[in-house]
Structures are given as structure tokens and as C-alpha cells.
Protein backbone atom coordinates (compact mmCIF):
# COMPACT_ATOMS: atom_id res chain seq x y z
CA MET A 1 -2.08 45.72 9.26
CA ARG A 2 -2.41 49.26 7.74
CA ALA A 3 -5.55 48.53 5.68
CA THR A 4 -8.56 50.54 6.80
CA GLN A 5 -11.22 49.51 4.23
CA ASP A 6 -14.47 47.98 5.26
CA ASP A 7 -13.80 44.67 3.58
CA VAL A 8 -10.34 43.24 3.04
CA LEU A 9 -9.42 39.99 1.23
CA PHE A 10 -5.88 38.77 2.00
CA GLY A 11 -5.42 35.83 -0.30
CA GLY A 12 -3.18 33.83 -2.40
CA ALA A 13 -0.41 31.36 -1.79
CA ARG A 14 -0.60 28.65 0.87
CA GLY A 15 1.73 29.41 3.76
CA GLY A 16 1.54 33.10 3.24
CA GLY A 17 0.66 33.81 6.93
CA LYS A 18 -2.97 34.54 6.34
CA SER A 19 -4.40 33.08 9.58
CA ASP A 20 -1.75 34.85 11.53
CA SER A 21 -2.77 38.14 9.84
CA ILE A 22 -6.20 37.98 11.36
CA LEU A 23 -4.83 37.17 14.89
CA GLY A 24 -2.29 40.03 14.54
CA LYS A 25 -5.07 42.37 13.34
CA VAL A 26 -7.13 41.44 16.36
CA ALA A 27 -4.18 42.29 18.66
CA GLN A 28 -3.60 45.59 17.01
CA HIS A 29 -7.39 46.36 17.22
CA VAL A 30 -7.65 45.47 20.82
CA GLY A 31 -4.56 47.50 21.61
CA VAL A 32 -5.97 50.58 19.98
CA HIS A 33 -9.64 50.33 21.09
CA GLY A 34 -9.48 48.56 24.46
CA ALA A 35 -12.84 47.63 25.82
CA GLY A 36 -14.66 48.72 22.63
CA ALA A 37 -13.08 45.95 20.67
CA ARG A 38 -15.43 43.08 19.91
CA CYS A 39 -13.73 40.62 17.55
CA LEU A 40 -14.88 37.42 15.94
CA PHE A 41 -12.74 34.67 14.26
CA LEU A 42 -14.91 32.64 11.99
CA ARG A 43 -14.37 29.32 10.01
CA ARG A 44 -16.70 27.14 8.00
CA GLN A 45 -16.53 24.26 10.55
CA PHE A 46 -15.70 24.12 14.16
CA ARG A 47 -13.05 21.36 13.69
CA GLN A 48 -11.13 23.78 11.46
CA LEU A 49 -10.59 26.26 14.47
CA GLU A 50 -8.19 24.01 16.29
CA GLU A 51 -4.93 25.10 14.87
CA ALA A 52 -5.90 28.86 14.94
CA ILE A 53 -6.67 28.51 18.61
CA GLU A 54 -3.43 26.83 19.33
CA ARG A 55 -1.55 29.59 17.39
CA SER A 56 -3.56 32.30 19.30
CA GLN A 57 -2.29 30.91 22.58
CA LYS A 58 1.31 31.53 21.55
CA LEU A 59 0.51 35.07 20.44
CA TYR A 60 -1.93 36.36 23.06
CA THR A 61 -0.74 34.72 26.26
CA PRO A 62 2.43 36.99 26.42
CA LEU A 63 -0.02 40.00 26.13
CA GLY A 64 -1.70 39.06 29.38
CA ALA A 65 -4.87 37.80 27.69
CA VAL A 66 -6.91 34.98 29.31
CA TYR A 67 -8.45 32.25 27.24
CA LYS A 68 -11.81 30.79 28.44
CA LEU A 69 -11.75 27.30 27.06
CA GLY A 70 -15.54 26.48 27.41
CA ASP A 71 -16.56 29.72 25.75
CA MET A 72 -13.74 29.69 23.17
CA VAL A 73 -13.15 33.36 23.98
CA TRP A 74 -10.00 35.39 24.71
CA GLN A 75 -10.43 38.17 27.27
CA PHE A 76 -7.72 40.99 26.96
CA PRO A 77 -6.44 43.08 29.83
CA GLY A 78 -8.09 46.26 28.33
CA GLY A 79 -11.48 44.74 28.28
CA GLY A 80 -11.65 43.76 24.58
CA TRP A 81 -12.43 40.24 23.50
CA LEU A 82 -12.16 37.73 20.69
CA LYS A 83 -14.61 34.76 20.03
CA PHE A 84 -13.85 31.78 17.93
CA ARG A 85 -16.92 30.52 16.03
CA ALA A 86 -17.97 28.60 13.03
CA ILE A 87 -20.83 28.97 10.50
CA GLU A 88 -21.97 25.41 9.65
CA SER A 89 -25.60 26.22 8.79
CA TRP A 90 -27.92 29.14 8.38
CA ASN A 91 -29.02 28.64 12.01
CA ASP A 92 -25.56 29.73 13.03
CA VAL A 93 -25.82 32.99 11.08
CA GLU A 94 -29.24 33.72 12.71
CA LYS A 95 -27.75 33.41 16.17
CA TYR A 96 -25.84 36.65 15.63
CA GLN A 97 -28.90 38.77 14.91
CA GLY A 98 -28.62 41.67 17.36
CA HIS A 99 -24.88 41.13 18.08
CA SER A 100 -22.28 43.84 17.68
CA HIS A 101 -18.84 43.28 16.38
CA THR A 102 -16.10 45.70 15.48
CA LEU A 103 -13.71 43.27 13.73
CA ILE A 104 -14.66 39.98 12.04
CA GLY A 105 -11.96 37.73 10.54
CA VAL A 106 -13.23 34.97 8.20
CA ASP A 107 -10.41 32.50 7.71
CA GLU A 108 -10.36 30.38 4.57
CA ALA A 109 -13.29 32.12 3.14
CA GLY A 110 -12.84 29.95 -0.03
CA ASN A 111 -14.61 27.05 1.87
CA PHE A 112 -17.84 28.97 1.52
CA GLU A 113 -19.45 27.94 -1.87
CA LYS A 114 -21.48 31.22 -1.75
CA PRO A 115 -20.85 34.54 0.04
CA ASN A 116 -24.39 34.72 1.55
CA PRO A 117 -23.48 33.67 5.08
CA ILE A 118 -20.50 36.03 5.09
CA ASP A 119 -22.55 38.90 3.81
CA SER A 120 -25.13 38.42 6.40
CA MET A 121 -22.54 38.97 9.09
CA PHE A 122 -21.97 42.54 7.85
CA ALA A 123 -25.10 43.46 9.69
CA THR A 124 -23.34 42.78 12.93
CA LEU A 125 -20.41 45.10 12.20
CA ARG A 126 -21.39 48.04 14.38
CA SER A 127 -20.09 49.74 17.48
CA PRO A 128 -22.04 51.67 20.15
CA THR A 129 -18.80 53.56 21.08
CA GLY A 130 -17.72 54.58 17.64
CA VAL A 131 -14.98 52.09 17.09
CA PRO A 132 -14.16 51.63 13.27
CA THR A 133 -15.35 48.30 12.05
CA GLN A 134 -13.87 45.99 9.48
CA MET A 135 -14.32 42.52 7.76
CA ILE A 136 -11.21 40.66 6.94
CA LEU A 137 -11.24 37.53 4.67
CA THR A 138 -8.44 35.21 3.85
CA ALA A 139 -8.53 32.54 1.12
CA ASN A 140 -6.34 30.36 -1.15
CA PRO A 141 -7.24 30.04 -4.80
CA GLY A 142 -8.92 26.77 -5.96
CA GLY A 143 -11.50 26.30 -3.16
CA VAL A 144 -15.25 25.97 -3.71
CA GLY A 145 -15.57 29.74 -3.33
CA HIS A 146 -12.87 30.61 -5.91
CA ALA A 147 -15.27 31.96 -8.43
CA TRP A 148 -17.17 34.48 -6.24
CA LEU A 149 -14.03 35.65 -4.37
CA LYS A 150 -12.30 36.33 -7.73
CA ALA A 151 -15.31 38.09 -9.16
CA ARG A 152 -15.88 40.26 -6.20
CA TYR A 153 -12.30 41.34 -5.21
CA MET A 154 -10.17 40.89 -8.34
CA THR A 155 -12.03 41.05 -11.57
CA GLY A 156 -11.64 44.63 -12.98
CA GLN A 157 -9.62 45.73 -9.91
CA THR A 158 -6.00 46.47 -9.16
CA PRO A 159 -4.43 44.63 -6.12
CA LEU A 160 -3.74 46.96 -3.17
CA LYS A 161 -5.97 49.64 -4.63
CA SER A 162 -9.16 50.57 -2.78
CA PHE A 163 -12.49 50.42 -4.69
CA ALA A 164 -16.14 50.91 -3.66
CA ASP A 165 -18.84 48.26 -4.10
CA PRO A 166 -21.26 49.78 -6.66
CA ARG A 167 -24.42 48.74 -4.86
CA SER A 168 -23.55 49.07 -1.11
CA GLY A 169 -20.78 51.62 -1.17
CA ILE A 170 -18.55 49.33 0.98
CA ARG A 171 -14.86 50.07 0.43
CA ARG A 172 -12.98 46.86 -0.46
CA VAL A 173 -9.34 45.97 -1.28
CA PHE A 174 -7.59 42.83 -2.44
CA ILE A 175 -4.17 42.24 -0.83
CA PRO A 176 -2.21 39.46 -2.50
CA SER A 177 -0.39 36.85 -0.44
CA LYS A 178 2.70 34.92 -1.62
CA LEU A 179 4.76 32.27 -0.11
CA GLN A 180 7.83 34.42 -0.28
CA ASP A 181 6.09 36.89 2.10
CA ASN A 182 6.50 34.26 4.83
CA PRO A 183 10.27 33.68 5.07
CA ALA A 184 9.95 32.15 8.55
CA LEU A 185 8.04 29.19 7.20
CA LEU A 186 10.57 28.59 4.45
CA ALA A 187 13.43 28.81 6.82
CA ASN A 188 11.91 26.30 9.34
CA ASP A 189 10.50 24.00 6.62
CA PRO A 190 12.85 24.23 3.59
CA ARG A 191 11.01 21.45 1.77
CA TYR A 192 7.58 22.92 2.13
CA VAL A 193 7.54 23.89 -1.52
CA ASN A 194 8.27 20.27 -2.52
CA LYS A 195 5.34 19.14 -0.43
CA LEU A 196 3.05 21.61 -2.28
CA MET A 197 4.20 20.40 -5.53
CA ALA A 198 3.31 16.76 -4.63
CA SER A 199 -0.20 17.66 -3.38
CA GLY A 200 -2.14 18.39 -6.54
CA SER A 201 -2.34 19.13 -10.22
CA ALA A 202 0.14 21.53 -12.00
CA GLU A 203 -2.52 24.27 -12.15
CA LEU A 204 -3.45 23.88 -8.47
CA VAL A 205 0.26 23.86 -7.38
CA ARG A 206 0.89 26.98 -9.44
CA ALA A 207 -1.96 28.68 -7.73
CA TRP A 208 -0.84 27.70 -4.34
CA LEU A 209 2.83 28.62 -4.90
CA GLU A 210 2.33 31.90 -6.68
CA GLY A 211 -1.00 32.94 -5.23
CA ASP A 212 -2.24 32.97 -8.82
CA TRP A 213 -6.03 33.31 -9.08
CA GLU A 214 -5.71 33.06 -12.83
CA ALA A 215 -4.11 29.66 -12.95
CA GLY A 216 -7.01 28.25 -15.01
CA LEU A 217 -8.34 26.10 -12.20
CA GLU A 218 -11.88 26.32 -13.47
CA GLY A 219 -10.96 25.20 -17.01
CA LYS A 220 -8.03 22.80 -16.39
CA MET A 221 -8.85 20.96 -13.24
CA ILE A 222 -11.62 19.12 -15.06
CA ARG A 223 -12.86 19.67 -18.65
CA MET A 224 -16.11 18.29 -20.15
CA ASP A 225 -14.35 17.16 -23.34
CA TRP A 226 -12.27 14.69 -21.20
CA PHE A 227 -15.31 12.62 -20.47
CA VAL A 228 -16.53 9.87 -22.71
CA ARG A 229 -20.22 9.95 -23.55
CA TYR A 230 -22.18 6.67 -23.62
CA SER A 231 -25.66 6.26 -25.07
CA ALA A 232 -26.47 3.25 -22.97
CA PRO A 233 -24.56 1.83 -19.94
CA PRO A 234 -23.47 -1.80 -19.74
CA ALA A 235 -25.94 -4.16 -18.06
CA ARG A 236 -25.97 -4.37 -14.27
CA GLU A 237 -24.36 -7.81 -14.25
CA SER A 238 -21.46 -6.54 -16.38
CA PHE A 239 -20.24 -4.30 -13.56
CA ASP A 240 -17.55 -5.50 -11.17
CA HIS A 241 -18.77 -3.08 -8.53
CA VAL A 242 -21.46 -0.43 -8.09
CA ALA A 243 -21.15 2.27 -5.53
CA MET A 244 -23.75 4.79 -4.41
CA SER A 245 -22.43 8.13 -2.91
CA VAL A 246 -24.43 10.45 -0.65
CA ASP A 247 -23.31 13.85 0.12
CA ALA A 248 -25.95 15.28 2.52
CA ALA A 249 -26.37 19.10 3.06
CA VAL A 250 -26.54 20.45 6.57
CA LYS A 251 -29.85 22.25 5.72
CA ALA A 252 -32.14 22.95 2.85
CA ASN A 253 -31.13 26.50 2.55
CA ALA A 254 -30.44 28.31 -0.69
CA TRP A 255 -26.85 29.09 0.35
CA ASN A 256 -26.06 25.53 1.38
CA SER A 257 -24.91 22.88 -1.09
CA ALA A 258 -27.56 20.65 -2.32
CA ASN A 259 -28.05 17.10 -1.35
CA VAL A 260 -26.35 14.90 -3.95
CA ILE A 261 -26.71 11.16 -4.60
CA SER A 262 -24.66 9.68 -7.33
CA VAL A 263 -24.30 6.06 -8.58
CA TRP A 264 -21.07 4.81 -10.24
CA GLY A 265 -20.34 1.54 -11.90
CA ARG A 266 -16.90 0.02 -12.44
CA CYS A 267 -16.52 -2.30 -15.51
CA GLY A 268 -12.88 -3.32 -15.85
CA PRO A 269 -10.71 -0.19 -15.88
CA ARG A 270 -13.61 2.08 -16.88
CA ILE A 271 -16.00 4.09 -14.45
CA TYR A 272 -19.51 4.91 -15.48
CA LEU A 273 -21.67 7.56 -13.94
CA LEU A 274 -25.12 5.87 -13.91
CA HIS A 275 -27.27 8.31 -11.90
CA VAL A 276 -27.36 11.68 -10.33
CA TRP A 277 -30.08 12.98 -7.89
CA ARG A 278 -29.56 16.56 -6.65
CA GLU A 279 -32.12 18.49 -4.61
CA ARG A 280 -32.30 20.94 -1.69
CA VAL A 281 -34.71 19.03 0.50
CA GLN A 282 -35.40 18.33 4.22
CA TYR A 283 -33.88 15.32 5.91
CA GLY A 284 -36.97 13.13 5.50
CA ASP A 285 -37.01 13.58 1.64
CA LEU A 286 -33.34 12.82 1.46
CA LYS A 287 -33.70 9.58 3.40
CA THR A 288 -36.52 8.49 0.98
CA ALA A 289 -34.40 9.37 -2.00
CA ILE A 290 -31.46 7.19 -0.60
CA ARG A 291 -33.94 4.28 -0.37
CA ASP A 292 -35.42 4.81 -3.79
CA VAL A 293 -31.94 5.09 -5.60
CA ALA A 294 -30.65 2.07 -3.63
CA ARG A 295 -33.58 -0.07 -4.72
CA GLN A 296 -33.18 1.05 -8.38
CA PHE A 297 -29.48 0.37 -8.71
CA ASN A 298 -28.74 -2.32 -6.00
CA PRO A 299 -25.26 -0.99 -5.14
CA ASN A 300 -22.58 -3.14 -3.51
CA VAL A 301 -22.02 -0.27 -1.10
CA VAL A 302 -23.62 3.00 -0.07
CA LEU A 303 -21.10 5.70 0.90
CA ILE A 304 -22.48 8.37 3.11
CA GLU A 305 -20.56 11.42 4.31
CA ASP A 306 -20.49 11.19 8.15
CA LYS A 307 -21.54 14.71 9.12
CA GLY A 308 -24.72 16.64 9.52
CA ASN A 309 -27.74 14.88 8.08
CA GLY A 310 -25.50 12.13 6.66
CA SER A 311 -24.52 10.98 10.22
CA THR A 312 -28.23 10.73 10.99
CA ALA A 313 -28.92 8.81 7.93
CA ILE A 314 -26.16 6.38 8.64
CA GLN A 315 -27.39 5.54 12.18
CA GLU A 316 -31.01 5.17 11.16
CA LEU A 317 -30.60 3.19 7.96
CA ARG A 318 -28.14 0.75 9.63
CA ASN A 319 -30.93 0.05 12.26
CA GLU A 320 -33.66 -0.58 9.64
CA ALA A 321 -33.94 -4.23 8.71
CA ASP A 322 -35.33 -3.59 5.24
CA PHE A 323 -32.33 -1.51 4.08
CA ARG A 324 -30.12 -4.38 3.04
CA TRP A 325 -27.31 -2.54 1.42
CA PRO A 326 -24.07 -2.15 3.31
CA ILE A 327 -23.31 1.40 4.47
CA LEU A 328 -19.80 2.81 4.67
CA ALA A 329 -19.32 6.11 6.65
CA VAL A 330 -16.83 8.38 5.13
CA LEU A 331 -15.21 11.64 6.21
CA PRO A 332 -13.06 13.32 3.44
CA VAL A 333 -9.68 14.40 4.78
CA ALA A 334 -8.99 17.17 2.08
CA ASP A 335 -10.99 19.72 0.35
CA LYS A 336 -12.79 19.08 -2.92
CA VAL A 337 -10.09 20.68 -5.10
CA ILE A 338 -7.39 18.54 -3.80
CA ARG A 339 -9.47 15.40 -4.02
CA MET A 340 -10.43 16.29 -7.61
CA SER A 341 -6.91 17.06 -8.64
CA GLY A 342 -5.97 13.50 -7.79
CA GLU A 343 -8.65 12.02 -10.03
CA SER A 344 -8.37 14.42 -13.00
CA PRO A 345 -5.71 12.28 -14.81
CA ALA A 346 -8.05 9.36 -15.03
CA VAL A 347 -10.79 11.65 -16.46
CA GLN A 348 -8.30 13.10 -19.05
CA ALA A 349 -7.26 9.64 -20.03
CA GLY A 350 -10.94 8.88 -20.98
CA MET A 351 -11.51 6.33 -18.21
CA VAL A 352 -14.65 7.93 -16.91
CA GLN A 353 -17.90 7.83 -18.91
CA ILE A 354 -21.05 9.79 -18.51
CA PRO A 355 -24.48 9.84 -20.21
CA ALA A 356 -24.67 11.30 -23.71
CA VAL A 357 -26.32 14.70 -24.13
CA SER A 358 -30.03 14.48 -25.03
CA ALA A 359 -33.05 16.61 -25.32
CA SER A 360 -34.29 15.24 -22.04
CA SER A 361 -30.86 15.45 -20.41
CA PRO A 362 -29.07 18.48 -21.77
CA THR A 363 -26.30 18.48 -19.32
């Protein structure tokens, strides 16, 4: 609450009160700057805002603030406001060109694979009335953005000590978060620690409990030497089941994840990675690739993530008579790190095989 740096990362253990810290900072900011306070609460996806909005109602209603449901905006008695928004694509970032904000809170910044969309929002931090501006990020270790957050805010820096970005001059600080900093959670849910311990690998649990960004997640969650290399896969008829998985990006922008199609075959207890297609392309090219890969490998099922372009592909391909492969729409319920932690024991046991390294396929 006392931090005055331009760019603050409050991150570490799960349950450390990080989301509340943004909501509390907004209340403080509005209380000090009144009508000049223009605040923004951001998440990677709209559906992730639900819990924060519910929590804000408990905090802001006693202050006399009014929530406009359709606009997802809190209007405070002094004239300041807070908007809840999401950045799901580059188009969402472009909508803010010309906007002015005095405080931006990015909750769970580790859900952003790259910092580009967050960095673009710095251009909207400005005030026509001279209100000090600030960006606040919260994050847990282990997300898809673990590497860039660690490199930007922690590598070579001392926690709680301000430092300047060498290129922009922006003043930054990393404030560690630990579960012990939130005694109310532990008092109300004494077994929360047990739940965390059951939710992932030893490295991931250590990172979540202690807020440890050095828990070796990059090197211990999955290691290349755990995979068995094969020179030639079994024949198609040898597989008990072949599954094709489609992860469709929202847009073909550089900061978005690429579209990925992978094909996996199960032969007894062993799993073989048979093919990977990975490109940043427009929807039409993605749909063509889905058809081409399906014809090549004749999968028993095509798994397509049911969001963005994936939802469109599901609807269109199901209605096309010449696409004969069954489609299963899937929507993961946890982030990639949690899902991977559940599968890493099988990889470590040598049950997953991938193509051997060759001159034509070096990775």
C-alpha cells in the first residue's frame, strides 16, 4: 500500500492476498485523488474476473460506491471509478488507445506468456490533472509467464528495493508474497496448506507455499532426458488409440501463443508423440491444417479447445460431411503448470516417447 514505484510486482505464494491488494490499492487511490482516479483491473480472460468482482462488492459497497453491472464499473462517491476488463487478444489492447488511467492492476500476470500486452498498457498511464500513475502486477510462480516475470523483477535485484529499468527509466520493485502474510485465510481454512500439497508436483507446491520463484520449475517440472527417443514409431495398426489435439490461438499476433496441432498414439502403456504442427496463422489456414493432419494420421478422436478460433472450428467441422473424424470439445479447468505437474511422473518413468533427434529435426 505504501509503494510509489511506477511498476510493482506483488508475487509469490498462493493465498497471499494478492487480488485483495489491488482492490485495496484502488480504494486508497480513489480516497486520495477523488474524481481524478481512473482505475483498471485486468485479467487475461473475462471469466477470470468473477471472483474479483464478487470480492470487490464486499469491499466497496460499505464505502458508498455503486456498481454498474452492464458496464462492469464501480463509481465511487468522490467521482473516481474502477473498470473490470480482460485482455484476450491484441484487439483488446488496441481498444485502449487514447484512454487515460491513473492506476492499472493486472491480476495473475503470470497468465500472460509474454509481457507485450501489459507493456502496451503503460501508454495509457497518464493523468490530465497530475494524479500520480502506477501499474501493479500480481502473480504466482509457475505460470506461463514465470520466466519473463522472474527476469524482469527478480534477476539481479533485491526484493523490496526500488530499481530503474535501464532502457525506459521506469522505477520498479518486487514485493514478495507469502502464505503466512494472510493469517485470515489460514484461520478460516486451516487445511488450505494440505490442499496445496495435493495439487501439484513437489517443486510447484514448494513455489506456491513459500512464494519461491527459484524452486526449479523450469528444470524439474519436465526434463528432456526423461523422454524416450524413438527412431521409428510403431505401425498405425499397432496403436490402441490415436488422438489429435488442437490448441487454437485467438489471433495470429506475435504476442499470442501459436496454433498447435499434435498427434499422440497409445500402444499399451506407452504414449508416442507422432506429429507436431505449430504456426501463427489466420483461422482459414488453421482449419486447413486440421484437415490435412487428420487425413494423414486418421485419429480416433480430434480434441479441440473450445474457445476462440477453436470454438469456430468445432462448429464448422462438425457440420461438414467430409470431415469424418469425431470431434471432442474440451475446456481445461486448470492452468498448464497444474496439468503438466499431474503428467510429469509418467514422463519421468519413461512412458512417453518422442522422435529421435536428427539433422532434419534437431529438436
